[in-house]
């Protein structure tokens, strides 16, 4: 639960490092809830459509 709150706290900042940090959570976390939260917030940050499209196209990703 702490990691999920960290994702939220990071995504609320107006900083150029937010998107790379969220991408790192998406790429490396084994926790699906953390990954899903990071994907959601990355979508809110904007300018990351290509990265998000790659996730959607990836058949190995959990789509739930």
PDB file of N, CA and C in Angstrom:
ATOM      1  N   UNK A   1       0.826  -1.190   0.000  1.00  0.00           N
ATOM      2  CA  UNK A   1       0.000   0.000   0.000  1.00  0.00           C
ATOM      3  C   UNK A   1       0.870   1.253   0.000  1.00  0.00           C
ATOM      4  N   UNK A   2       2.005   1.194   0.654  1.00  0.00           N
ATOM      5  CA  UNK A   2       2.908   2.343   0.692  1.00  0.00           C
ATOM      6  C   UNK A   2       3.407   2.690  -0.708  1.00  0.00           C
ATOM      7  N   UNK A   3       3.737   1.668  -1.486  1.00  0.00           N
ATOM      8  CA  UNK A   3       4.216   1.920  -2.848  1.00  0.00           C
ATOM      9  C   UNK A   3       3.126   2.537  -3.714  1.00  0.00           C
ATOM     10  N   UNK A   4       1.878   2.116  -3.522  1.00  0.00           N
ATOM     11  CA  UNK A   4       0.775   2.703  -4.287  1.00  0.00           C
ATOM     12  C   UNK A   4       0.609   4.181  -3.950  1.00  0.00           C
ATOM     13  N   UNK A   5       0.753   4.510  -2.691  1.00  0.00           N
ATOM     14  CA  UNK A   5       0.666   5.914  -2.278  1.00  0.00           C
ATOM     15  C   UNK A   5       1.848   6.712  -2.814  1.00  0.00           C
ATOM     16  N   UNK A   6       2.995   6.065  -2.922  1.00  0.00           N
ATOM     17  CA  UNK A   6       4.164   6.739  -3.491  1.00  0.00           C
ATOM     18  C   UNK A   6       3.924   7.092  -4.949  1.00  0.00           C
ATOM     19  N   UNK A   7       3.300   6.191  -5.690  1.00  0.00           N
ATOM     20  CA  UNK A   7       2.971   6.465  -7.094  1.00  0.00           C
ATOM     21  C   UNK A   7       2.068   7.685  -7.175  1.00  0.00           C
ATOM     22  N   UNK A   8       1.057   7.739  -6.330  1.00  0.00           N
ATOM     23  CA  UNK A   8       0.145   8.881  -6.311  1.00  0.00           C
ATOM     24  C   UNK A   8       0.893  10.161  -5.959  1.00  0.00           C
ATOM     25  N   UNK A   9       1.698  10.118  -4.919  1.00  0.00           N
ATOM     26  CA  UNK A   9       2.431  11.314  -4.498  1.00  0.00           C
ATOM     27  C   UNK A   9       3.372  11.816  -5.587  1.00  0.00           C
ATOM     28  N   UNK A  10       4.057  10.919  -6.249  1.00  0.00           N
ATOM     29  CA  UNK A  10       4.971  11.295  -7.332  1.00  0.00           C
ATOM     30  C   UNK A  10       4.199  11.935  -8.474  1.00  0.00           C
ATOM     31  N   UNK A  11       3.078  11.336  -8.834  1.00  0.00           N
ATOM     32  CA  UNK A  11       2.334  11.818  -9.996  1.00  0.00           C
ATOM     33  C   UNK A  11       1.693  13.182  -9.776  1.00  0.00           C
ATOM     34  N   UNK A  12       1.519  13.597  -8.541  1.00  0.00           N
ATOM     35  CA  UNK A  12       0.916  14.891  -8.252  1.00  0.00           C
ATOM     36  C   UNK A  12       1.890  16.060  -8.384  1.00  0.00           C
ATOM     37  N   UNK A  13       3.160  15.761  -8.540  1.00  0.00           N
ATOM     38  CA  UNK A  13       4.163  16.819  -8.662  1.00  0.00           C
ATOM     39  C   UNK A  13       4.249  17.331 -10.101  1.00  0.00           C
ATOM     40  N   UNK A  14       4.493  18.598 -10.229  1.00  0.00           N
ATOM     41  CA  UNK A  14       4.699  19.220 -11.535  1.00  0.00           C
ATOM     42  C   UNK A  14       6.200  19.291 -11.776  1.00  0.00           C
ATOM     43  N   UNK A  15       6.740  18.188 -12.254  1.00  0.00           N
ATOM     44  CA  UNK A  15       8.186  18.069 -12.402  1.00  0.00           C
ATOM     45  C   UNK A  15       8.479  17.197 -13.614  1.00  0.00           C
ATOM     46  N   UNK A  16       9.532  17.505 -14.312  1.00  0.00           N
ATOM     47  CA  UNK A  16       9.910  16.749 -15.512  1.00  0.00           C
ATOM     48  C   UNK A  16      10.305  15.308 -15.190  1.00  0.00           C
ATOM     49  N   UNK A  17      10.599  15.018 -13.935  1.00  0.00           N
ATOM     50  CA  UNK A  17      11.023  13.661 -13.555  1.00  0.00           C
ATOM     51  C   UNK A  17       9.855  12.721 -13.285  1.00  0.00           C
ATOM     52  N   UNK A  18       8.633  13.243 -13.269  1.00  0.00           N
ATOM     53  CA  UNK A  18       7.472  12.407 -12.946  1.00  0.00           C
ATOM     54  C   UNK A  18       7.283  11.296 -13.974  1.00  0.00           C
ATOM     55  N   UNK A  19       7.208  11.633 -15.245  1.00  0.00           N
ATOM     56  CA  UNK A  19       6.967  10.617 -16.284  1.00  0.00           C
ATOM     57  C   UNK A  19       8.035   9.522 -16.269  1.00  0.00           C
ATOM     58  N   UNK A  20       9.328   9.855 -16.220  1.00  0.00           N
ATOM     59  CA  UNK A  20      10.323   8.781 -16.165  1.00  0.00           C
ATOM     60  C   UNK A  20      10.191   7.893 -14.929  1.00  0.00           C
ATOM     61  N   UNK A  21       9.813   8.474 -13.809  1.00  0.00           N
ATOM     62  CA  UNK A  21       9.644   7.673 -12.594  1.00  0.00           C
ATOM     63  C   UNK A  21       8.447   6.735 -12.724  1.00  0.00           C
ATOM     64  N   UNK A  22       7.344   7.237 -13.280  1.00  0.00           N
ATOM     65  CA  UNK A  22       6.173   6.382 -13.484  1.00  0.00           C
ATOM     66  C   UNK A  22       6.481   5.266 -14.472  1.00  0.00           C
ATOM     67  N   UNK A  23       7.211   5.584 -15.529  1.00  0.00           N
ATOM     68  CA  UNK A  23       7.606   4.556 -16.497  1.00  0.00           C
ATOM     69  C   UNK A  23       8.448   3.484 -15.824  1.00  0.00           C
ATOM     70  N   UNK A  24       9.305   3.884 -14.908  1.00  0.00           N
ATOM     71  CA  UNK A  24      10.129   2.925 -14.184  1.00  0.00           C
ATOM     72  C   UNK A  24       9.259   1.987 -13.347  1.00  0.00           C
ATOM     73  N   UNK A  25       8.249   2.534 -12.675  1.00  0.00           N
ATOM     74  CA  UNK A  25       7.316   1.681 -11.933  1.00  0.00           C
ATOM     75  C   UNK A  25       6.642   0.689 -12.871  1.00  0.00           C
ATOM     76  N   UNK A  26       6.216   1.159 -14.028  1.00  0.00           N
ATOM     77  CA  UNK A  26       5.519   0.308 -14.991  1.00  0.00           C
ATOM     78  C   UNK A  26       6.434  -0.806 -15.485  1.00  0.00           C
ATOM     79  N   UNK A  27       7.655  -0.484 -15.768  1.00  0.00           N
ATOM     80  CA  UNK A  27       8.598  -1.477 -16.319  1.00  0.00           C
ATOM     81  C   UNK A  27       9.089  -2.476 -15.283  1.00  0.00           C
ATOM     82  N   UNK A  28       9.226  -2.055 -14.019  1.00  0.00           N
ATOM     83  CA  UNK A  28       9.938  -2.900 -13.056  1.00  0.00           C
ATOM     84  C   UNK A  28       9.096  -3.500 -11.945  1.00  0.00           C
ATOM     85  N   UNK A  29       7.940  -2.927 -11.649  1.00  0.00           N
ATOM     86  CA  UNK A  29       7.162  -3.430 -10.507  1.00  0.00           C
ATOM     87  C   UNK A  29       6.520  -4.769 -10.833  1.00  0.00           C
ATOM     88  N   UNK A  30       6.553  -5.670  -9.877  1.00  0.00           N
ATOM     89  CA  UNK A  30       5.875  -6.952 -10.005  1.00  0.00           C
ATOM     90  C   UNK A  30       4.434  -6.865  -9.504  1.00  0.00           C
ATOM     91  N   UNK A  31       4.111  -5.776  -8.816  1.00  0.00           N
ATOM     92  CA  UNK A  31       2.787  -5.571  -8.249  1.00  0.00           C
ATOM     93  C   UNK A  31       1.871  -4.949  -9.301  1.00  0.00           C
ATOM     94  N   UNK A  32       0.828  -5.692  -9.699  1.00  0.00           N
ATOM     95  CA  UNK A  32      -0.054  -5.219 -10.765  1.00  0.00           C
ATOM     96  C   UNK A  32      -0.806  -3.956 -10.388  1.00  0.00           C
ATOM     97  N   UNK A  33      -1.162  -3.799  -9.126  1.00  0.00           N
ATOM     98  CA  UNK A  33      -1.880  -2.591  -8.698  1.00  0.00           C
ATOM     99  C   UNK A  33      -0.997  -1.356  -8.834  1.00  0.00           C
ATOM    100  N   UNK A  34       0.267  -1.494  -8.526  1.00  0.00           N
ATOM    101  CA  UNK A  34       1.200  -0.374  -8.668  1.00  0.00           C
ATOM    102  C   UNK A  34       1.375  -0.036 -10.137  1.00  0.00           C
ATOM    103  N   UNK A  35       1.540  -1.046 -10.953  1.00  0.00           N
ATOM    104  CA  UNK A  35       1.706  -0.827 -12.388  1.00  0.00           C
ATOM    105  C   UNK A  35       0.471  -0.155 -12.984  1.00  0.00           C
ATOM    106  N   UNK A  36      -0.698  -0.639 -12.607  1.00  0.00           N
ATOM    107  CA  UNK A  36      -1.946  -0.052 -13.121  1.00  0.00           C
ATOM    108  C   UNK A  36      -2.090   1.402 -12.696  1.00  0.00           C
ATOM    109  N   UNK A  37      -1.763   1.686 -11.463  1.00  0.00           N
ATOM    110  CA  UNK A  37      -1.836   3.060 -10.971  1.00  0.00           C
ATOM    111  C   UNK A  37      -0.861   3.956 -11.722  1.00  0.00           C
ATOM    112  N   UNK A  38       0.340   3.453 -11.942  1.00  0.00           N
ATOM    113  CA  UNK A  38       1.348   4.234 -12.667  1.00  0.00           C
ATOM    114  C   UNK A  38       0.909   4.489 -14.108  1.00  0.00           C
ATOM    115  N   UNK A  39       0.285   3.495 -14.745  1.00  0.00           N
ATOM    116  CA  UNK A  39      -0.226   3.676 -16.109  1.00  0.00           C
ATOM    117  C   UNK A  39      -1.303   4.752 -16.114  1.00  0.00           C
ATOM    118  N   UNK A  40      -2.224   4.670 -15.158  1.00  0.00           N
ATOM    119  CA  UNK A  40      -3.285   5.674 -15.082  1.00  0.00           C
ATOM    120  C   UNK A  40      -2.697   7.075 -14.944  1.00  0.00           C
ATOM    121  N   UNK A  41      -1.802   7.251 -13.995  1.00  0.00           N
ATOM    122  CA  UNK A  41      -1.248   8.586 -13.752  1.00  0.00           C
ATOM    123  C   UNK A  41      -0.369   9.056 -14.898  1.00  0.00           C
ATOM    124  N   UNK A  42       0.302   8.138 -15.572  1.00  0.00           N
ATOM    125  CA  UNK A  42       1.093   8.530 -16.734  1.00  0.00           C
ATOM    126  C   UNK A  42       0.177   9.076 -17.817  1.00  0.00           C
ATOM    127  N   UNK A  43      -0.998   8.496 -17.947  1.00  0.00           N
ATOM    128  CA  UNK A  43      -1.983   9.015 -18.892  1.00  0.00           C
ATOM    129  C   UNK A  43      -2.449  10.412 -18.524  1.00  0.00           C
ATOM    130  N   UNK A  44      -2.518  10.701 -17.242  1.00  0.00           N
ATOM    131  CA  UNK A  44      -2.933  12.025 -16.784  1.00  0.00           C
ATOM    132  C   UNK A  44      -1.833  13.059 -16.987  1.00  0.00           C
ATOM    133  N   UNK A  45      -0.592  12.632 -16.869  1.00  0.00           N
ATOM    134  CA  UNK A  45       0.547  13.538 -17.045  1.00  0.00           C
ATOM    135  C   UNK A  45       0.579  14.066 -18.474  1.00  0.00           C
ATOM    136  N   UNK A  46       0.254  13.188 -19.433  1.00  0.00           N
ATOM    137  CA  UNK A  46       0.232  13.587 -20.838  1.00  0.00           C
ATOM    138  C   UNK A  46       1.575  13.414 -21.522  1.00  0.00           C
ATOM    139  N   UNK A  47       1.564  13.598 -22.821  1.00  0.00           N
ATOM    140  CA  UNK A  47       2.755  13.521 -23.667  1.00  0.00           C
ATOM    141  C   UNK A  47       3.439  12.150 -23.655  1.00  0.00           C
ATOM    142  N   UNK A  48       2.739  11.121 -23.248  1.00  0.00           N
ATOM    143  CA  UNK A  48       3.333   9.786 -23.196  1.00  0.00           C
ATOM    144  C   UNK A  48       2.495   8.767 -23.958  1.00  0.00           C
ATOM    145  N   UNK A  49       1.772   9.234 -24.973  1.00  0.00           N
ATOM    146  CA  UNK A  49       0.863   8.358 -25.705  1.00  0.00           C
ATOM    147  C   UNK A  49       1.580   7.184 -26.365  1.00  0.00           C
ATOM    148  N   UNK A  50       2.737   7.420 -26.927  1.00  0.00           N
ATOM    149  CA  UNK A  50       3.464   6.340 -27.612  1.00  0.00           C
ATOM    150  C   UNK A  50       3.817   5.219 -26.635  1.00  0.00           C
ATOM    151  N   UNK A  51       4.265   5.584 -25.453  1.00  0.00           N
ATOM    152  CA  UNK A  51       4.603   4.589 -24.433  1.00  0.00           C
ATOM    153  C   UNK A  51       3.361   3.794 -24.031  1.00  0.00           C
ATOM    154  N   UNK A  52       2.249   4.500 -23.821  1.00  0.00           N
ATOM    155  CA  UNK A  52       1.007   3.842 -23.421  1.00  0.00           C
ATOM    156  C   UNK A  52       0.458   2.953 -24.534  1.00  0.00           C
ATOM    157  N   UNK A  53       0.578   3.382 -25.779  1.00  0.00           N
ATOM    158  CA  UNK A  53       0.140   2.560 -26.908  1.00  0.00           C
ATOM    159  C   UNK A  53       0.943   1.266 -26.946  1.00  0.00           C
ATOM    160  N   UNK A  54       2.234   1.338 -26.693  1.00  0.00           N
ATOM    161  CA  UNK A  54       3.066   0.132 -26.676  1.00  0.00           C
ATOM    162  C   UNK A  54       2.596  -0.850 -25.602  1.00  0.00           C
ATOM    163  N   UNK A  55       2.161  -0.325 -24.464  1.00  0.00           N
ATOM    164  CA  UNK A  55       1.649  -1.201 -23.411  1.00  0.00           C
ATOM    165  C   UNK A  55       0.376  -1.889 -23.876  1.00  0.00           C
ATOM    166  N   UNK A  56      -0.516  -1.140 -24.488  1.00  0.00           N
ATOM    167  CA  UNK A  56      -1.784  -1.706 -24.957  1.00  0.00           C
ATOM    168  C   UNK A  56      -1.543  -2.766 -26.030  1.00  0.00           C
ATOM    169  N   UNK A  57      -0.601  -2.529 -26.907  1.00  0.00           N
ATOM    170  CA  UNK A  57      -0.315  -3.474 -27.994  1.00  0.00           C
ATOM    171  C   UNK A  57       0.413  -4.727 -27.517  1.00  0.00           C
ATOM    172  N   UNK A  58       1.041  -4.671 -26.359  1.00  0.00           N
ATOM    173  CA  UNK A  58       1.836  -5.782 -25.854  1.00  0.00           C
ATOM    174  C   UNK A  58       0.909  -6.882 -25.327  1.00  0.00           C
ATOM    175  N   UNK A  59       0.904  -8.026 -25.995  1.00  0.00           N
ATOM    176  CA  UNK A  59       0.025  -9.128 -25.616  1.00  0.00           C
ATOM    177  C   UNK A  59       0.397  -9.724 -24.252  1.00  0.00           C
ATOM    178  N   UNK A  60       1.606  -9.501 -23.790  1.00  0.00           N
ATOM    179  CA  UNK A  60       2.024 -10.050 -22.506  1.00  0.00           C
ATOM    180  C   UNK A  60       1.503  -9.218 -21.328  1.00  0.00           C
ATOM    181  N   UNK A  61       0.975  -8.050 -21.607  1.00  0.00           N
ATOM    182  CA  UNK A  61       0.460  -7.184 -20.532  1.00  0.00           C
ATOM    183  C   UNK A  61      -0.903  -7.652 -20.065  1.00  0.00           C
ATOM    184  N   UNK A  62      -1.145  -7.483 -18.779  1.00  0.00           N
ATOM    185  CA  UNK A  62      -2.444  -7.775 -18.174  1.00  0.00           C
ATOM    186  C   UNK A  62      -3.387  -6.634 -18.533  1.00  0.00           C
ATOM    187  N   UNK A  63      -4.477  -6.914 -19.213  1.00  0.00           N
ATOM    188  CA  UNK A  63      -5.395  -5.886 -19.680  1.00  0.00           C
ATOM    189  C   UNK A  63      -6.541  -5.638 -18.711  1.00  0.00           C
ATOM    190  N   UNK A  64      -6.553  -6.312 -17.584  1.00  0.00           N
ATOM    191  CA  UNK A  64      -7.665  -6.132 -16.632  1.00  0.00           C
ATOM    192  C   UNK A  64      -7.520  -4.919 -15.765  1.00  0.00           C
TER     193      UNK A  64
END
